[in-house]
Amino acid sequence: MHAAVAPLAEVCFNAIKARGYLLHPGSCWGAECRQISGTNRASNHSWGLAADLNAPTNPYTSTGEHDIPDWAYDLLRAYGWGLGADYNGKKDYMHVEWMAHHPTQ
């Protein structure tokens, strides 16, 4: 995660773990230099502003299949994170990204 949002991410992810939803090492993905699917624009993963939580069990899908509890999404929203679970149409249940302010601007 980008240094500007890493402390907040740590607080949020620790709160989620403390309430009983475990984040599994190797199943949570973060910074990776890549484009937004279907575009030439750098994704928020490229900036270290996005993470994929327990990706194998929280896919990009239209079936609704995921295991992240609703309360965890509520907590992340309350702290300014955008969620792939909130996409219109097909959902990206693993995806969280910092939306409040881009630290490179």
N, C-alpha and C. Protein backbone atom coordinates (compact mmCIF):
# COMPACT_ATOMS: atom_id res chain seq x y z
N MET A 1 0.85 -1.19 0.00
CA MET A 1 0.00 0.00 0.00
C MET A 1 0.89 1.25 0.00
N HIS A 2 0.36 2.30 -0.58
CA HIS A 2 1.04 3.59 -0.60
C HIS A 2 1.23 4.05 0.85
N ALA A 3 2.38 4.66 1.12
CA ALA A 3 2.70 5.09 2.49
C ALA A 3 1.64 6.02 3.08
N ALA A 4 0.96 6.79 2.23
CA ALA A 4 -0.04 7.74 2.73
C ALA A 4 -1.30 7.05 3.23
N VAL A 5 -1.60 5.86 2.75
CA VAL A 5 -2.83 5.17 3.18
C VAL A 5 -2.56 3.88 3.95
N ALA A 6 -1.30 3.44 3.99
CA ALA A 6 -0.97 2.19 4.68
C ALA A 6 -1.41 2.16 6.15
N PRO A 7 -1.21 3.24 6.92
CA PRO A 7 -1.66 3.18 8.32
C PRO A 7 -3.17 2.99 8.45
N LEU A 8 -3.95 3.65 7.61
CA LEU A 8 -5.40 3.49 7.66
C LEU A 8 -5.80 2.08 7.22
N ALA A 9 -5.15 1.57 6.17
CA ALA A 9 -5.42 0.21 5.72
C ALA A 9 -5.15 -0.78 6.86
N GLU A 10 -4.06 -0.58 7.56
CA GLU A 10 -3.71 -1.47 8.67
C GLU A 10 -4.78 -1.43 9.77
N VAL A 11 -5.24 -0.24 10.12
CA VAL A 11 -6.30 -0.11 11.13
C VAL A 11 -7.56 -0.84 10.67
N CYS A 12 -7.97 -0.60 9.44
CA CYS A 12 -9.19 -1.23 8.93
C CYS A 12 -9.06 -2.74 8.84
N PHE A 13 -7.96 -3.22 8.28
CA PHE A 13 -7.78 -4.66 8.11
C PHE A 13 -7.64 -5.35 9.47
N ASN A 14 -6.98 -4.70 10.43
CA ASN A 14 -6.90 -5.28 11.78
C ASN A 14 -8.27 -5.33 12.45
N ALA A 15 -9.09 -4.29 12.24
CA ALA A 15 -10.45 -4.29 12.81
C ALA A 15 -11.29 -5.41 12.22
N ILE A 16 -11.14 -5.64 10.93
CA ILE A 16 -11.87 -6.73 10.27
C ILE A 16 -11.43 -8.08 10.84
N LYS A 17 -10.12 -8.26 11.00
CA LYS A 17 -9.61 -9.52 11.57
C LYS A 17 -10.07 -9.70 13.01
N ALA A 18 -10.08 -8.61 13.78
CA ALA A 18 -10.50 -8.69 15.19
C ALA A 18 -11.96 -9.10 15.33
N ARG A 19 -12.78 -8.77 14.35
CA ARG A 19 -14.20 -9.17 14.39
C ARG A 19 -14.43 -10.56 13.84
N GLY A 20 -13.36 -11.22 13.38
CA GLY A 20 -13.47 -12.62 13.02
C GLY A 20 -13.33 -12.99 11.56
N TYR A 21 -13.17 -12.01 10.67
CA TYR A 21 -12.94 -12.36 9.27
C TYR A 21 -11.44 -12.33 9.03
N LEU A 22 -10.85 -13.48 8.77
CA LEU A 22 -9.40 -13.58 8.62
C LEU A 22 -8.97 -13.27 7.19
N LEU A 23 -7.90 -12.50 7.07
CA LEU A 23 -7.28 -12.21 5.78
C LEU A 23 -6.09 -13.16 5.64
N HIS A 24 -6.11 -13.97 4.61
CA HIS A 24 -5.14 -15.05 4.46
C HIS A 24 -3.92 -14.61 3.66
N PRO A 25 -2.71 -14.77 4.23
CA PRO A 25 -1.49 -14.44 3.49
C PRO A 25 -1.46 -15.21 2.16
N GLY A 26 -1.03 -14.54 1.12
CA GLY A 26 -0.98 -15.16 -0.20
C GLY A 26 -2.29 -15.07 -0.97
N SER A 27 -3.38 -14.78 -0.26
CA SER A 27 -4.69 -14.63 -0.90
C SER A 27 -5.12 -13.17 -0.99
N CYS A 28 -4.34 -12.29 -0.39
CA CYS A 28 -4.61 -10.85 -0.44
C CYS A 28 -3.52 -10.22 -1.31
N TRP A 29 -3.96 -9.51 -2.32
CA TRP A 29 -3.02 -8.94 -3.29
C TRP A 29 -3.09 -7.43 -3.23
N GLY A 30 -1.96 -6.77 -3.49
CA GLY A 30 -1.92 -5.32 -3.38
C GLY A 30 -1.34 -4.64 -4.60
N ALA A 31 -0.26 -3.90 -4.37
CA ALA A 31 0.32 -3.08 -5.42
C ALA A 31 0.84 -3.95 -6.57
N GLU A 32 0.42 -3.58 -7.75
CA GLU A 32 0.87 -4.24 -8.97
C GLU A 32 0.67 -3.25 -10.11
N CYS A 33 1.70 -3.02 -10.87
CA CYS A 33 1.62 -2.08 -11.97
C CYS A 33 0.79 -2.69 -13.09
N ARG A 34 -0.46 -2.22 -13.21
CA ARG A 34 -1.35 -2.75 -14.25
C ARG A 34 -2.38 -1.70 -14.63
N GLN A 35 -2.98 -1.90 -15.79
CA GLN A 35 -3.99 -0.98 -16.29
C GLN A 35 -5.37 -1.38 -15.79
N ILE A 36 -6.27 -0.40 -15.78
CA ILE A 36 -7.67 -0.70 -15.55
C ILE A 36 -8.13 -1.53 -16.74
N SER A 37 -8.80 -2.61 -16.46
CA SER A 37 -9.24 -3.52 -17.52
C SER A 37 -9.97 -2.76 -18.63
N GLY A 38 -9.53 -2.98 -19.86
CA GLY A 38 -10.17 -2.37 -21.02
C GLY A 38 -9.75 -0.94 -21.30
N THR A 39 -8.73 -0.43 -20.57
CA THR A 39 -8.27 0.95 -20.77
C THR A 39 -6.74 0.99 -20.87
N ASN A 40 -6.23 2.19 -21.08
CA ASN A 40 -4.78 2.43 -21.05
C ASN A 40 -4.38 3.19 -19.79
N ARG A 41 -5.30 3.33 -18.84
CA ARG A 41 -5.03 4.09 -17.60
C ARG A 41 -4.51 3.17 -16.51
N ALA A 42 -3.56 3.68 -15.74
CA ALA A 42 -3.01 2.92 -14.62
C ALA A 42 -4.10 2.72 -13.57
N SER A 43 -4.19 1.51 -13.04
CA SER A 43 -5.19 1.21 -12.01
C SER A 43 -4.71 1.74 -10.66
N ASN A 44 -5.61 1.77 -9.69
CA ASN A 44 -5.21 2.16 -8.34
C ASN A 44 -4.27 1.14 -7.70
N HIS A 45 -4.25 -0.08 -8.20
CA HIS A 45 -3.23 -1.04 -7.75
C HIS A 45 -1.84 -0.52 -8.11
N SER A 46 -1.72 0.12 -9.27
CA SER A 46 -0.43 0.66 -9.72
C SER A 46 0.10 1.73 -8.79
N TRP A 47 -0.78 2.45 -8.16
CA TRP A 47 -0.40 3.53 -7.24
C TRP A 47 -0.28 3.04 -5.80
N GLY A 48 -0.57 1.78 -5.55
CA GLY A 48 -0.55 1.26 -4.18
C GLY A 48 -1.77 1.69 -3.39
N LEU A 49 -2.87 1.98 -4.08
CA LEU A 49 -4.08 2.48 -3.44
C LEU A 49 -5.22 1.47 -3.46
N ALA A 50 -4.93 0.24 -3.87
CA ALA A 50 -5.97 -0.79 -3.94
C ALA A 50 -5.41 -2.12 -3.46
N ALA A 51 -6.31 -2.94 -2.97
CA ALA A 51 -5.96 -4.29 -2.53
C ALA A 51 -7.10 -5.23 -2.89
N ASP A 52 -6.76 -6.49 -3.07
CA ASP A 52 -7.75 -7.54 -3.30
C ASP A 52 -7.71 -8.45 -2.08
N LEU A 53 -8.82 -8.56 -1.37
CA LEU A 53 -8.89 -9.30 -0.11
C LEU A 53 -9.38 -10.73 -0.36
N ASN A 54 -8.60 -11.69 0.12
CA ASN A 54 -8.94 -13.11 -0.04
C ASN A 54 -9.51 -13.37 -1.43
N ALA A 55 -8.70 -13.02 -2.42
CA ALA A 55 -9.13 -13.05 -3.82
C ALA A 55 -9.74 -14.39 -4.27
N PRO A 56 -9.17 -15.53 -3.91
CA PRO A 56 -9.75 -16.78 -4.41
C PRO A 56 -11.20 -17.04 -3.97
N THR A 57 -11.61 -16.48 -2.84
CA THR A 57 -12.97 -16.72 -2.35
C THR A 57 -13.89 -15.52 -2.53
N ASN A 58 -13.39 -14.48 -3.19
CA ASN A 58 -14.18 -13.26 -3.42
C ASN A 58 -13.97 -12.79 -4.86
N PRO A 59 -14.50 -13.55 -5.81
CA PRO A 59 -14.18 -13.31 -7.22
C PRO A 59 -14.92 -12.12 -7.84
N TYR A 60 -14.48 -11.80 -9.05
CA TYR A 60 -15.17 -10.86 -9.93
C TYR A 60 -16.26 -11.67 -10.61
N THR A 61 -17.52 -11.43 -10.26
CA THR A 61 -18.59 -12.33 -10.70
C THR A 61 -19.94 -11.65 -10.70
N SER A 62 -20.86 -12.24 -11.38
CA SER A 62 -22.24 -11.78 -11.33
C SER A 62 -23.11 -12.74 -10.50
N THR A 63 -22.50 -13.76 -9.89
CA THR A 63 -23.26 -14.76 -9.13
C THR A 63 -23.53 -14.35 -7.70
N GLY A 64 -22.81 -13.36 -7.19
CA GLY A 64 -22.96 -12.98 -5.78
C GLY A 64 -22.07 -13.78 -4.85
N GLU A 65 -21.27 -14.69 -5.39
CA GLU A 65 -20.39 -15.54 -4.58
C GLU A 65 -19.28 -14.70 -3.93
N HIS A 66 -19.25 -14.71 -2.60
CA HIS A 66 -18.16 -14.07 -1.85
C HIS A 66 -18.30 -14.47 -0.39
N ASP A 67 -17.23 -14.26 0.39
CA ASP A 67 -17.32 -14.59 1.82
C ASP A 67 -16.97 -13.41 2.73
N ILE A 68 -16.70 -12.24 2.17
CA ILE A 68 -16.48 -11.06 3.00
C ILE A 68 -17.83 -10.66 3.58
N PRO A 69 -17.93 -10.52 4.92
CA PRO A 69 -19.22 -10.17 5.53
C PRO A 69 -19.64 -8.73 5.21
N ASP A 70 -20.94 -8.50 5.18
CA ASP A 70 -21.46 -7.15 4.92
C ASP A 70 -20.92 -6.13 5.89
N TRP A 71 -20.75 -6.51 7.17
CA TRP A 71 -20.24 -5.56 8.16
C TRP A 71 -18.82 -5.10 7.81
N ALA A 72 -18.02 -5.96 7.18
CA ALA A 72 -16.65 -5.58 6.79
C ALA A 72 -16.70 -4.54 5.66
N TYR A 73 -17.61 -4.75 4.71
CA TYR A 73 -17.78 -3.74 3.65
C TYR A 73 -18.24 -2.42 4.25
N ASP A 74 -19.16 -2.47 5.21
CA ASP A 74 -19.65 -1.25 5.87
C ASP A 74 -18.51 -0.51 6.56
N LEU A 75 -17.64 -1.24 7.24
CA LEU A 75 -16.51 -0.62 7.92
C LEU A 75 -15.59 0.06 6.91
N LEU A 76 -15.27 -0.61 5.83
CA LEU A 76 -14.39 -0.04 4.82
C LEU A 76 -15.01 1.21 4.19
N ARG A 77 -16.29 1.17 3.87
CA ARG A 77 -16.98 2.35 3.32
C ARG A 77 -16.89 3.53 4.29
N ALA A 78 -17.08 3.26 5.58
CA ALA A 78 -17.08 4.32 6.59
C ALA A 78 -15.74 5.03 6.67
N TYR A 79 -14.67 4.36 6.28
CA TYR A 79 -13.34 4.96 6.32
C TYR A 79 -12.86 5.48 4.97
N GLY A 80 -13.75 5.52 3.97
CA GLY A 80 -13.40 6.15 2.70
C GLY A 80 -12.94 5.22 1.60
N TRP A 81 -13.05 3.91 1.81
CA TRP A 81 -12.65 2.96 0.79
C TRP A 81 -13.79 2.74 -0.20
N GLY A 82 -13.46 2.64 -1.49
CA GLY A 82 -14.40 2.23 -2.51
C GLY A 82 -14.33 0.73 -2.65
N LEU A 83 -15.43 0.12 -3.05
CA LEU A 83 -15.51 -1.35 -3.08
C LEU A 83 -15.99 -1.86 -4.43
N GLY A 84 -15.32 -2.90 -4.90
CA GLY A 84 -15.79 -3.58 -6.10
C GLY A 84 -17.14 -4.23 -5.88
N ALA A 85 -17.50 -4.47 -4.62
CA ALA A 85 -18.82 -5.02 -4.28
C ALA A 85 -19.94 -4.03 -4.60
N ASP A 86 -19.58 -2.75 -4.78
CA ASP A 86 -20.57 -1.72 -5.08
C ASP A 86 -20.69 -1.42 -6.57
N TYR A 87 -19.92 -2.12 -7.41
CA TYR A 87 -20.01 -1.89 -8.85
C TYR A 87 -21.41 -2.19 -9.34
N ASN A 88 -21.83 -1.50 -10.39
CA ASN A 88 -23.07 -1.84 -11.09
C ASN A 88 -22.79 -3.05 -11.96
N GLY A 89 -23.73 -3.95 -12.06
CA GLY A 89 -23.53 -5.16 -12.87
C GLY A 89 -22.62 -6.14 -12.16
N LYS A 90 -21.64 -6.66 -12.89
CA LYS A 90 -20.71 -7.64 -12.34
C LYS A 90 -19.91 -7.02 -11.19
N LYS A 91 -19.79 -7.73 -10.09
CA LYS A 91 -19.13 -7.23 -8.88
C LYS A 91 -17.72 -7.80 -8.76
N ASP A 92 -16.81 -7.01 -8.18
CA ASP A 92 -15.45 -7.44 -7.90
C ASP A 92 -15.31 -7.48 -6.38
N TYR A 93 -15.82 -8.55 -5.78
CA TYR A 93 -15.96 -8.63 -4.33
C TYR A 93 -14.66 -8.52 -3.57
N MET A 94 -13.54 -8.89 -4.17
CA MET A 94 -12.25 -8.82 -3.49
C MET A 94 -11.69 -7.40 -3.40
N HIS A 95 -12.11 -6.52 -4.29
CA HIS A 95 -11.43 -5.24 -4.54
C HIS A 95 -11.85 -4.13 -3.57
N VAL A 96 -10.83 -3.51 -2.95
CA VAL A 96 -11.03 -2.29 -2.16
C VAL A 96 -10.01 -1.26 -2.65
N GLU A 97 -10.41 0.00 -2.74
CA GLU A 97 -9.47 1.03 -3.17
C GLU A 97 -9.74 2.33 -2.44
N TRP A 98 -8.65 3.04 -2.16
CA TRP A 98 -8.76 4.32 -1.48
C TRP A 98 -9.35 5.34 -2.43
N MET A 99 -10.43 5.98 -2.03
CA MET A 99 -11.15 6.90 -2.90
C MET A 99 -11.16 8.34 -2.39
N ALA A 100 -10.87 8.57 -1.13
CA ALA A 100 -11.06 9.89 -0.56
C ALA A 100 -10.12 10.94 -1.14
N HIS A 101 -8.86 10.59 -1.35
CA HIS A 101 -7.90 11.56 -1.88
C HIS A 101 -6.72 10.79 -2.43
N HIS A 102 -6.31 11.11 -3.64
CA HIS A 102 -5.16 10.47 -4.26
C HIS A 102 -3.89 11.15 -3.72
N PRO A 103 -3.04 10.44 -2.98
CA PRO A 103 -1.89 11.08 -2.32
C PRO A 103 -0.83 11.60 -3.28
N THR A 104 -0.88 11.26 -4.56
CA THR A 104 0.11 11.77 -5.50
C THR A 104 -0.34 13.07 -6.15
N GLN A 105 -1.53 13.57 -5.79
CA GLN A 105 -2.03 14.81 -6.39
C GLN A 105 -2.00 15.93 -5.39
